[in-house]
Structures are given as structure tokens and as C-alpha cells.
Amino acid sequence: MGTLVCWKCGGSLEDYTLPLRRLEECRACGAELHVCKMCRFYDTSKAKHCSEPIAEEVKDKEHANFCDYLTPRPDAHEVTDRGAAETARAKLESLFGDRSSHSGATPEDEARKALEDLFKGKSER
């Protein structure tokens, strides 16, 4: 079994005593550790995201729970792929256009201009 790491920040949990206490927290980020995302049974491809067939459903997968089947897994920390998000954004912009690139203004700037234009029309009457 590999070295345990926090599911949220990836900080080492090597010096923690197992089984994890229900209210155990990561010293690095403060995340609760007795959570579904820390468990070897956590599986998003399964119903209720749990592959343990007799475990009760836990709605909140990121907060401490009372599940007796929790078995910490060393690969609990998942690095999010920002490249995939950027690729998806680029595809959307190619389909619908990048609104900010048309005028060079941010959505906030465009909203402010629309509001000013609305009130300019009323003051000129």
C-alpha cells in the first residue's frame, strides 16, 4: 500500500494512525479525512458513488461521515486537469464566438455601457 495523502490537497498523511477518526483533519489544509472521497470504495461510476454493496448512502462525499466501511486509499488525491477545461472552453468559443474578443470589453463593461445608454436616452427627452 502506498503512502496515504489527503484527498483534497495531496498532503502526506504518513504519520496518521489508522483507522482514521471520524473528525480527523488534514494538518496541511484542514479538510476532513473520514470522507467518501478518501475511501477505496469511492467510485463515481457506481450508484451512490460507492462500490461497497451494503454501506448506507452518504449524500455529502466531502464531509465527515459515520460509515464503518471507510478504508483509506493512497490515490485519493486527484489532480484536476485544467487543460481539459481550457480545451472545452476553446471549442465553445469556436462554436459560439468569444464575446469578450469582439469588443475587447468585459461582460461587466458591456453591462455598464448598456445601462448608461439606457439612461442617456431618458435624459435627452
Protein backbone atom coordinates (compact mmCIF):
# COMPACT_ATOMS: atom_id res chain seq x y z
CA MET A 1 0.00 0.00 0.00
CA GLY A 2 1.35 3.44 -0.93
CA THR A 3 1.69 6.42 1.34
CA LEU A 4 -1.65 7.97 2.27
CA VAL A 5 -2.28 11.52 1.12
CA CYS A 6 -5.10 13.97 1.72
CA TRP A 7 -7.92 13.66 -0.81
CA LYS A 8 -8.15 17.46 -1.11
CA CYS A 9 -4.59 18.85 -1.10
CA GLY A 10 -2.37 15.80 -1.55
CA GLY A 11 -0.55 16.46 1.74
CA SER A 12 1.12 13.43 3.36
CA LEU A 13 -0.85 11.51 5.99
CA GLU A 14 2.03 9.11 6.68
CA ASP A 15 2.10 9.84 10.41
CA TYR A 16 -1.67 9.47 10.96
CA THR A 17 -2.94 6.48 12.91
CA LEU A 18 -5.36 4.14 11.17
CA PRO A 19 -8.27 3.75 11.28
CA LEU A 20 -8.92 7.44 10.78
CA ARG A 21 -11.03 9.00 13.49
CA ARG A 22 -14.36 10.42 12.33
CA LEU A 23 -13.31 14.03 12.91
CA GLU A 24 -9.68 13.67 11.79
CA GLU A 25 -8.47 16.62 9.72
CA CYS A 26 -5.56 17.19 7.36
CA ARG A 27 -2.89 19.29 9.06
CA ALA A 28 -1.97 20.91 5.74
CA CYS A 29 -5.38 22.12 4.51
CA GLY A 30 -7.86 21.36 7.31
CA ALA A 31 -10.01 19.04 5.18
CA GLU A 32 -11.95 16.34 6.99
CA LEU A 33 -10.46 12.91 6.26
CA HIS A 34 -13.18 10.41 7.24
CA VAL A 35 -14.95 11.15 3.94
CA CYS A 36 -16.12 9.14 0.95
CA LYS A 37 -13.55 10.71 -1.37
CA MET A 38 -10.82 9.26 0.85
CA CYS A 39 -12.20 5.69 0.67
CA ARG A 40 -11.18 2.81 -1.59
CA PHE A 41 -14.90 2.11 -2.19
CA TYR A 42 -15.49 5.61 -3.62
CA ASP A 43 -16.35 5.09 -7.30
CA THR A 44 -18.24 7.67 -9.35
CA SER A 45 -19.20 5.04 -11.91
CA LYS A 46 -21.33 3.22 -9.30
CA ALA A 47 -24.75 4.09 -7.94
CA LYS A 48 -24.42 6.43 -4.97
CA HIS A 49 -20.67 6.59 -5.81
CA CYS A 50 -19.90 3.60 -3.60
CA SER A 51 -18.81 0.10 -4.58
CA GLU A 52 -19.46 -1.31 -1.08
CA PRO A 53 -22.82 -3.07 -1.60
CA ILE A 54 -24.18 -2.87 1.95
CA ALA A 55 -22.92 0.56 3.00
CA GLU A 56 -25.59 3.17 3.67
CA GLU A 57 -25.70 6.07 1.24
CA VAL A 58 -23.76 9.18 2.22
CA LYS A 59 -25.01 12.29 0.44
CA ASP A 60 -22.06 14.60 1.14
CA LYS A 61 -18.90 12.92 -0.13
CA GLU A 62 -16.56 15.66 1.14
CA HIS A 63 -17.53 15.91 4.82
CA ALA A 64 -17.01 13.55 7.73
CA ASN A 65 -19.48 10.68 7.98
CA PHE A 66 -20.22 7.65 10.14
CA CYS A 67 -19.55 4.95 7.53
CA ASP A 68 -17.92 1.90 9.12
CA TYR A 69 -16.62 0.67 5.75
CA LEU A 70 -14.25 3.58 5.14
CA THR A 71 -10.89 2.23 4.03
CA PRO A 72 -8.39 4.99 3.15
CA ARG A 73 -6.80 4.74 -0.28
CA PRO A 74 -3.37 6.13 -1.17
CA ASP A 75 -4.53 7.57 -4.51
CA ALA A 76 -7.36 9.63 -3.05
CA HIS A 77 -5.92 12.94 -4.25
CA GLU A 78 -6.92 13.59 -7.85
CA VAL A 79 -5.19 16.39 -9.69
CA THR A 80 -7.72 18.30 -11.75
CA ASP A 81 -6.84 18.64 -15.40
CA ARG A 82 -7.09 22.33 -16.24
CA GLY A 83 -6.03 21.54 -19.79
CA ALA A 84 -9.31 19.73 -20.42
CA ALA A 85 -11.29 22.75 -19.21
CA GLU A 86 -9.31 25.07 -21.46
CA THR A 87 -9.85 22.73 -24.43
CA ALA A 88 -13.59 22.68 -23.78
CA ARG A 89 -13.67 26.49 -23.50
CA ALA A 90 -11.81 26.83 -26.80
CA LYS A 91 -14.30 24.51 -28.52
CA LEU A 92 -17.25 26.52 -27.17
CA GLU A 93 -15.68 29.78 -28.28
CA SER A 94 -15.10 28.37 -31.77
CA LEU A 95 -18.78 27.40 -31.96
CA PHE A 96 -20.36 30.47 -30.42
CA GLY A 97 -17.57 33.03 -30.66
CA ASP A 98 -15.63 34.68 -27.89
CA ARG A 99 -17.85 37.58 -26.75
CA SER A 100 -15.03 39.37 -24.95
CA SER A 101 -12.85 39.41 -28.09
CA HIS A 102 -15.49 41.19 -30.24
CA SER A 103 -15.39 44.49 -28.39
CA GLY A 104 -12.41 43.97 -26.12
CA ALA A 105 -14.70 44.75 -23.17
CA THR A 106 -15.51 42.52 -20.25
CA PRO A 107 -19.14 41.49 -19.62
CA GLU A 108 -19.19 43.98 -16.73
CA ASP A 109 -18.07 46.78 -19.06
CA GLU A 110 -20.73 45.83 -21.61
CA ALA A 111 -23.43 45.79 -18.91
CA ARG A 112 -22.33 49.21 -17.63
CA LYS A 113 -22.41 50.64 -21.18
CA ALA A 114 -25.90 49.21 -21.78
CA LEU A 115 -27.10 50.78 -18.51
CA GLU A 116 -25.56 54.15 -19.36
CA ASP A 117 -27.08 54.02 -22.85
CA LEU A 118 -30.47 53.29 -21.30
CA PHE A 119 -30.31 56.34 -19.03
CA LYS A 120 -28.81 58.61 -21.70
CA GLY A 121 -31.93 58.07 -23.77
CA LYS A 122 -34.18 59.18 -20.87
CA SER A 123 -32.19 62.31 -20.04
CA GLU A 124 -32.28 63.57 -23.64
CA ARG A 125 -36.10 63.61 -23.72
